[in-house]
Amino acid sequence: MNVLVVDDSKAIYMMVSQMLDEKGHKAIWAENGQDAIDKISANEIDLILLDWNMPVMTGPEFLEKNKNESISEAPIVMMTTENKPDHIKKALSLGAVEYIMKPFTSDILFDKLELVFDLD
């Protein structure tokens, strides 16, 4: 599975990339929402892990653009420190299918992904 990790932190990307690699998935890094759009057009993406706070284009801005322009049909899971109920509701209303709070373990990541896909 190709997973687009959209996060402006290289450390977060490296951590998530290692978790995905251990389970046989490929991580592709995008540093913000605009970079994600470019990566989506150049790669087959099966899942998007999306941060909230990023320069250039934030996670919610990406969600809104994707909702309006159908940039990707891949499920989108928010991966963020934003835990206010209003933020969670906003992300879900804009098309995110799940929400993971940072920091998280590999078990938490794959438990959430099992809700989105049948990974057995």
N, C-alpha and C. Protein backbone atom coordinates (compact mmCIF):
# COMPACT_ATOMS: atom_id res chain seq x y z
N MET A 1 0.85 -1.18 0.00
CA MET A 1 0.00 0.00 0.00
C MET A 1 0.89 1.24 0.00
N ASN A 2 0.58 2.22 -0.86
CA ASN A 2 1.30 3.49 -0.88
C ASN A 2 0.58 4.48 0.03
N VAL A 3 1.31 4.99 1.01
CA VAL A 3 0.74 5.90 2.00
C VAL A 3 1.42 7.25 1.87
N LEU A 4 0.63 8.28 1.59
CA LEU A 4 1.16 9.64 1.53
C LEU A 4 1.11 10.24 2.92
N VAL A 5 2.29 10.55 3.47
CA VAL A 5 2.40 11.14 4.79
C VAL A 5 2.61 12.64 4.58
N VAL A 6 1.58 13.41 4.93
CA VAL A 6 1.60 14.86 4.71
C VAL A 6 1.86 15.53 6.05
N ASP A 7 3.10 15.95 6.26
CA ASP A 7 3.51 16.53 7.55
C ASP A 7 4.76 17.37 7.32
N ASP A 8 4.81 18.56 7.90
CA ASP A 8 5.98 19.42 7.70
C ASP A 8 7.16 19.00 8.57
N SER A 9 6.98 18.02 9.45
CA SER A 9 8.07 17.53 10.29
C SER A 9 8.71 16.29 9.67
N LYS A 10 9.99 16.41 9.31
CA LYS A 10 10.70 15.26 8.76
C LYS A 10 10.81 14.15 9.80
N ALA A 11 10.94 14.52 11.08
CA ALA A 11 11.04 13.51 12.14
C ALA A 11 9.76 12.67 12.22
N ILE A 12 8.61 13.31 12.10
CA ILE A 12 7.34 12.58 12.11
C ILE A 12 7.28 11.67 10.88
N TYR A 13 7.64 12.21 9.72
CA TYR A 13 7.64 11.39 8.51
C TYR A 13 8.53 10.16 8.69
N MET A 14 9.73 10.35 9.21
CA MET A 14 10.67 9.24 9.38
C MET A 14 10.08 8.18 10.33
N MET A 15 9.46 8.62 11.42
CA MET A 15 8.87 7.70 12.39
C MET A 15 7.73 6.89 11.74
N VAL A 16 6.82 7.59 11.06
CA VAL A 16 5.67 6.93 10.43
C VAL A 16 6.14 6.04 9.29
N SER A 17 7.12 6.51 8.53
CA SER A 17 7.67 5.73 7.42
C SER A 17 8.22 4.39 7.92
N GLN A 18 8.93 4.43 9.04
CA GLN A 18 9.48 3.20 9.60
C GLN A 18 8.36 2.25 10.04
N MET A 19 7.31 2.80 10.68
CA MET A 19 6.18 1.97 11.10
C MET A 19 5.54 1.29 9.89
N LEU A 20 5.33 2.06 8.83
CA LEU A 20 4.70 1.53 7.62
C LEU A 20 5.59 0.50 6.94
N ASP A 21 6.89 0.80 6.85
CA ASP A 21 7.85 -0.10 6.21
C ASP A 21 7.90 -1.46 6.90
N GLU A 22 7.82 -1.46 8.23
CA GLU A 22 7.85 -2.71 8.99
C GLU A 22 6.66 -3.61 8.65
N LYS A 23 5.57 -3.02 8.17
CA LYS A 23 4.37 -3.79 7.80
C LYS A 23 4.26 -3.98 6.29
N GLY A 24 5.32 -3.59 5.56
CA GLY A 24 5.35 -3.82 4.12
C GLY A 24 4.68 -2.76 3.27
N HIS A 25 4.45 -1.58 3.85
CA HIS A 25 3.83 -0.49 3.10
C HIS A 25 4.89 0.54 2.72
N LYS A 26 4.61 1.33 1.69
CA LYS A 26 5.55 2.34 1.23
C LYS A 26 5.04 3.73 1.63
N ALA A 27 5.90 4.51 2.27
CA ALA A 27 5.56 5.88 2.64
C ALA A 27 6.12 6.85 1.61
N ILE A 28 5.33 7.85 1.29
CA ILE A 28 5.74 8.93 0.40
C ILE A 28 5.53 10.22 1.19
N TRP A 29 6.53 11.10 1.18
CA TRP A 29 6.46 12.30 2.01
C TRP A 29 6.02 13.52 1.22
N ALA A 30 5.07 14.26 1.80
CA ALA A 30 4.70 15.59 1.32
C ALA A 30 4.79 16.54 2.52
N GLU A 31 5.42 17.70 2.31
CA GLU A 31 5.67 18.61 3.42
C GLU A 31 4.49 19.52 3.75
N ASN A 32 3.49 19.58 2.88
CA ASN A 32 2.30 20.40 3.12
C ASN A 32 1.22 19.99 2.13
N GLY A 33 0.06 20.61 2.23
CA GLY A 33 -1.05 20.24 1.36
C GLY A 33 -0.78 20.44 -0.11
N GLN A 34 -0.09 21.52 -0.47
CA GLN A 34 0.22 21.75 -1.88
C GLN A 34 1.18 20.69 -2.41
N ASP A 35 2.18 20.37 -1.61
CA ASP A 35 3.12 19.31 -1.98
C ASP A 35 2.37 17.98 -2.13
N ALA A 36 1.38 17.75 -1.28
CA ALA A 36 0.57 16.53 -1.36
C ALA A 36 -0.15 16.45 -2.71
N ILE A 37 -0.70 17.55 -3.16
CA ILE A 37 -1.40 17.57 -4.46
C ILE A 37 -0.43 17.16 -5.57
N ASP A 38 0.79 17.69 -5.51
CA ASP A 38 1.81 17.34 -6.51
C ASP A 38 2.15 15.85 -6.43
N LYS A 39 2.30 15.31 -5.22
CA LYS A 39 2.66 13.90 -5.05
C LYS A 39 1.51 12.99 -5.49
N ILE A 40 0.28 13.40 -5.25
CA ILE A 40 -0.88 12.60 -5.65
C ILE A 40 -0.93 12.47 -7.17
N SER A 41 -0.61 13.56 -7.87
CA SER A 41 -0.66 13.50 -9.33
C SER A 41 0.46 12.63 -9.91
N ALA A 42 1.53 12.40 -9.14
CA ALA A 42 2.68 11.64 -9.64
C ALA A 42 2.75 10.20 -9.12
N ASN A 43 1.87 9.83 -8.18
CA ASN A 43 1.94 8.51 -7.55
C ASN A 43 0.54 7.94 -7.36
N GLU A 44 0.47 6.61 -7.33
CA GLU A 44 -0.78 5.96 -6.94
C GLU A 44 -0.81 5.93 -5.42
N ILE A 45 -1.81 6.58 -4.82
CA ILE A 45 -1.89 6.72 -3.37
C ILE A 45 -3.10 5.93 -2.86
N ASP A 46 -2.85 5.08 -1.85
CA ASP A 46 -3.93 4.26 -1.28
C ASP A 46 -4.49 4.84 0.02
N LEU A 47 -3.69 5.68 0.69
CA LEU A 47 -4.07 6.25 1.97
C LEU A 47 -3.31 7.55 2.16
N ILE A 48 -3.96 8.53 2.80
CA ILE A 48 -3.30 9.80 3.13
C ILE A 48 -3.35 9.98 4.63
N LEU A 49 -2.18 10.19 5.25
CA LEU A 49 -2.07 10.57 6.65
C LEU A 49 -1.75 12.06 6.66
N LEU A 50 -2.64 12.86 7.24
CA LEU A 50 -2.60 14.31 7.06
C LEU A 50 -2.46 15.06 8.37
N ASP A 51 -1.43 15.89 8.47
CA ASP A 51 -1.25 16.77 9.62
C ASP A 51 -2.19 17.97 9.51
N TRP A 52 -2.42 18.64 10.61
CA TRP A 52 -3.30 19.82 10.65
C TRP A 52 -2.52 21.09 10.32
N ASN A 53 -1.47 21.35 11.13
CA ASN A 53 -0.73 22.62 11.04
C ASN A 53 0.50 22.48 10.16
N MET A 54 0.43 23.13 8.98
CA MET A 54 1.56 23.11 8.06
C MET A 54 1.60 24.44 7.32
N PRO A 55 2.80 24.85 6.87
CA PRO A 55 2.88 26.05 6.03
C PRO A 55 2.32 25.78 4.63
N VAL A 56 2.13 26.81 3.87
CA VAL A 56 1.68 26.78 2.47
C VAL A 56 0.20 26.38 2.37
N MET A 57 -0.13 25.13 2.76
CA MET A 57 -1.52 24.67 2.77
C MET A 57 -1.71 23.74 3.95
N THR A 58 -2.60 24.12 4.87
CA THR A 58 -2.84 23.32 6.07
C THR A 58 -3.65 22.06 5.75
N GLY A 59 -3.75 21.18 6.73
CA GLY A 59 -4.56 19.98 6.56
C GLY A 59 -6.01 20.29 6.23
N PRO A 60 -6.69 21.18 7.01
CA PRO A 60 -8.07 21.51 6.68
C PRO A 60 -8.22 22.16 5.29
N GLU A 61 -7.26 22.97 4.89
CA GLU A 61 -7.32 23.57 3.55
C GLU A 61 -7.21 22.48 2.48
N PHE A 62 -6.34 21.49 2.71
CA PHE A 62 -6.22 20.37 1.78
C PHE A 62 -7.53 19.59 1.72
N LEU A 63 -8.11 19.30 2.89
CA LEU A 63 -9.38 18.56 2.93
C LEU A 63 -10.46 19.29 2.14
N GLU A 64 -10.54 20.60 2.34
CA GLU A 64 -11.57 21.38 1.63
C GLU A 64 -11.34 21.37 0.12
N LYS A 65 -10.08 21.53 -0.28
CA LYS A 65 -9.76 21.50 -1.72
C LYS A 65 -10.07 20.12 -2.30
N ASN A 66 -9.73 19.07 -1.56
CA ASN A 66 -10.00 17.71 -2.03
C ASN A 66 -11.51 17.47 -2.13
N LYS A 67 -12.25 17.97 -1.17
CA LYS A 67 -13.71 17.79 -1.18
C LYS A 67 -14.33 18.49 -2.40
N ASN A 68 -13.83 19.68 -2.71
CA ASN A 68 -14.38 20.47 -3.82
C ASN A 68 -13.88 20.03 -5.19
N GLU A 69 -12.65 19.51 -5.25
CA GLU A 69 -12.03 19.23 -6.55
C GLU A 69 -11.73 17.75 -6.78
N SER A 70 -12.05 16.89 -5.83
CA SER A 70 -11.81 15.44 -5.96
C SER A 70 -10.39 15.12 -6.42
N ILE A 71 -9.41 15.62 -5.66
CA ILE A 71 -8.00 15.42 -5.99
C ILE A 71 -7.61 13.96 -5.78
N SER A 72 -8.13 13.35 -4.72
CA SER A 72 -7.81 11.95 -4.42
C SER A 72 -9.03 11.27 -3.83
N GLU A 73 -9.20 9.98 -4.19
CA GLU A 73 -10.26 9.19 -3.59
C GLU A 73 -9.74 8.34 -2.43
N ALA A 74 -8.44 8.44 -2.14
CA ALA A 74 -7.85 7.67 -1.04
C ALA A 74 -8.44 8.15 0.29
N PRO A 75 -8.66 7.22 1.23
CA PRO A 75 -9.12 7.64 2.55
C PRO A 75 -8.08 8.55 3.20
N ILE A 76 -8.56 9.53 3.97
CA ILE A 76 -7.68 10.48 4.63
C ILE A 76 -7.84 10.34 6.14
N VAL A 77 -6.72 10.11 6.83
CA VAL A 77 -6.70 10.01 8.28
C VAL A 77 -5.91 11.21 8.81
N MET A 78 -6.55 12.02 9.65
CA MET A 78 -5.84 13.13 10.28
C MET A 78 -4.86 12.56 11.30
N MET A 79 -3.70 13.18 11.38
CA MET A 79 -2.61 12.72 12.25
C MET A 79 -2.06 14.01 12.87
N THR A 80 -2.53 14.37 14.09
CA THR A 80 -2.27 15.71 14.58
C THR A 80 -2.28 15.81 16.10
N THR A 81 -1.78 16.92 16.59
CA THR A 81 -1.88 17.22 18.03
C THR A 81 -3.16 18.00 18.34
N GLU A 82 -3.89 18.42 17.32
CA GLU A 82 -5.14 19.17 17.53
C GLU A 82 -6.21 18.22 18.04
N ASN A 83 -6.64 18.41 19.30
CA ASN A 83 -7.59 17.46 19.87
C ASN A 83 -8.91 18.11 20.31
N LYS A 84 -9.14 19.35 19.93
CA LYS A 84 -10.39 20.00 20.30
C LYS A 84 -11.53 19.36 19.52
N PRO A 85 -12.67 19.11 20.19
CA PRO A 85 -13.81 18.50 19.49
C PRO A 85 -14.21 19.24 18.21
N ASP A 86 -14.13 20.57 18.22
CA ASP A 86 -14.49 21.33 17.02
C ASP A 86 -13.55 21.02 15.85
N HIS A 87 -12.26 20.83 16.15
CA HIS A 87 -11.30 20.48 15.10
C HIS A 87 -11.59 19.10 14.54
N ILE A 88 -11.89 18.15 15.42
CA ILE A 88 -12.18 16.79 14.97
C ILE A 88 -13.43 16.80 14.09
N LYS A 89 -14.47 17.49 14.54
CA LYS A 89 -15.72 17.58 13.75
C LYS A 89 -15.46 18.22 12.40
N LYS A 90 -14.64 19.29 12.38
CA LYS A 90 -14.35 19.96 11.12
C LYS A 90 -13.65 19.02 10.16
N ALA A 91 -12.62 18.32 10.64
CA ALA A 91 -11.87 17.41 9.77
C ALA A 91 -12.78 16.32 9.22
N LEU A 92 -13.62 15.74 10.07
CA LEU A 92 -14.52 14.67 9.62
C LEU A 92 -15.56 15.21 8.64
N SER A 93 -16.04 16.43 8.87
CA SER A 93 -17.03 17.01 7.96
C SER A 93 -16.43 17.34 6.60
N LEU A 94 -15.11 17.57 6.56
CA LEU A 94 -14.43 17.88 5.30
C LEU A 94 -13.93 16.63 4.59
N GLY A 95 -14.15 15.45 5.17
CA GLY A 95 -13.81 14.23 4.44
C GLY A 95 -12.80 13.29 5.09
N ALA A 96 -12.21 13.68 6.22
CA ALA A 96 -11.32 12.74 6.91
C ALA A 96 -12.17 11.57 7.43
N VAL A 97 -11.59 10.36 7.39
CA VAL A 97 -12.35 9.19 7.83
C VAL A 97 -11.97 8.73 9.24
N GLU A 98 -10.81 9.17 9.73
CA GLU A 98 -10.35 8.82 11.08
C GLU A 98 -9.44 9.93 11.58
N TYR A 99 -9.07 9.83 12.86
CA TYR A 99 -8.31 10.88 13.52
C TYR A 99 -7.34 10.23 14.50
N ILE A 100 -6.05 10.48 14.34
CA ILE A 100 -5.03 9.93 15.24
C ILE A 100 -4.35 11.09 15.95
N MET A 101 -4.25 10.97 17.27
CA MET A 101 -3.58 12.01 18.06
C MET A 101 -2.08 11.72 18.16
N LYS A 102 -1.26 12.75 17.89
CA LYS A 102 0.19 12.63 18.09
C LYS A 102 0.48 12.89 19.57
N PRO A 103 1.47 12.25 20.15
CA PRO A 103 2.27 11.17 19.57
C PRO A 103 1.48 9.86 19.61
N PHE A 104 1.85 8.92 18.75
CA PHE A 104 1.16 7.64 18.71
C PHE A 104 2.17 6.53 18.45
N THR A 105 1.75 5.31 18.79
CA THR A 105 2.59 4.13 18.59
C THR A 105 2.18 3.45 17.29
N SER A 106 2.98 2.49 16.88
CA SER A 106 2.66 1.69 15.70
C SER A 106 1.34 0.95 15.90
N ASP A 107 1.10 0.44 17.12
CA ASP A 107 -0.15 -0.27 17.41
C ASP A 107 -1.34 0.64 17.21
N ILE A 108 -1.26 1.87 17.68
CA ILE A 108 -2.36 2.82 17.51
C ILE A 108 -2.59 3.11 16.03
N LEU A 109 -1.50 3.34 15.30
CA LEU A 109 -1.62 3.63 13.86
C LEU A 109 -2.33 2.47 13.15
N PHE A 110 -1.89 1.26 13.38
CA PHE A 110 -2.47 0.14 12.64
C PHE A 110 -3.86 -0.25 13.15
N ASP A 111 -4.15 0.02 14.42
CA ASP A 111 -5.53 -0.17 14.90
C ASP A 111 -6.46 0.76 14.14
N LYS A 112 -6.04 2.01 13.97
CA LYS A 112 -6.87 2.97 13.22
C LYS A 112 -6.98 2.55 11.75
N LEU A 113 -5.88 2.11 11.17
CA LEU A 113 -5.92 1.73 9.75
C LEU A 113 -6.79 0.49 9.52
N GLU A 114 -6.87 -0.38 10.52
CA GLU A 114 -7.76 -1.54 10.40
C GLU A 114 -9.22 -1.11 10.35
N LEU A 115 -9.53 0.05 10.94
CA LEU A 115 -10.88 0.58 10.85
C LEU A 115 -11.18 1.08 9.44
N VAL A 116 -10.14 1.47 8.72
CA VAL A 116 -10.30 2.02 7.37
C VAL A 116 -10.17 0.91 6.32
N PHE A 117 -9.24 -0.03 6.54
CA PHE A 117 -8.97 -1.13 5.59
C PHE A 117 -8.99 -2.45 6.33
N ASP A 118 -9.16 -3.51 5.61
CA ASP A 118 -8.97 -4.84 6.17
C ASP A 118 -7.51 -5.22 5.93
N LEU A 119 -6.67 -5.04 6.94
CA LEU A 119 -5.21 -5.23 6.76
C LEU A 119 -4.73 -6.61 7.18
N ASP A 120 -5.61 -7.52 7.52
CA ASP A 120 -5.19 -8.85 7.96
C ASP A 120 -4.60 -9.68 6.86
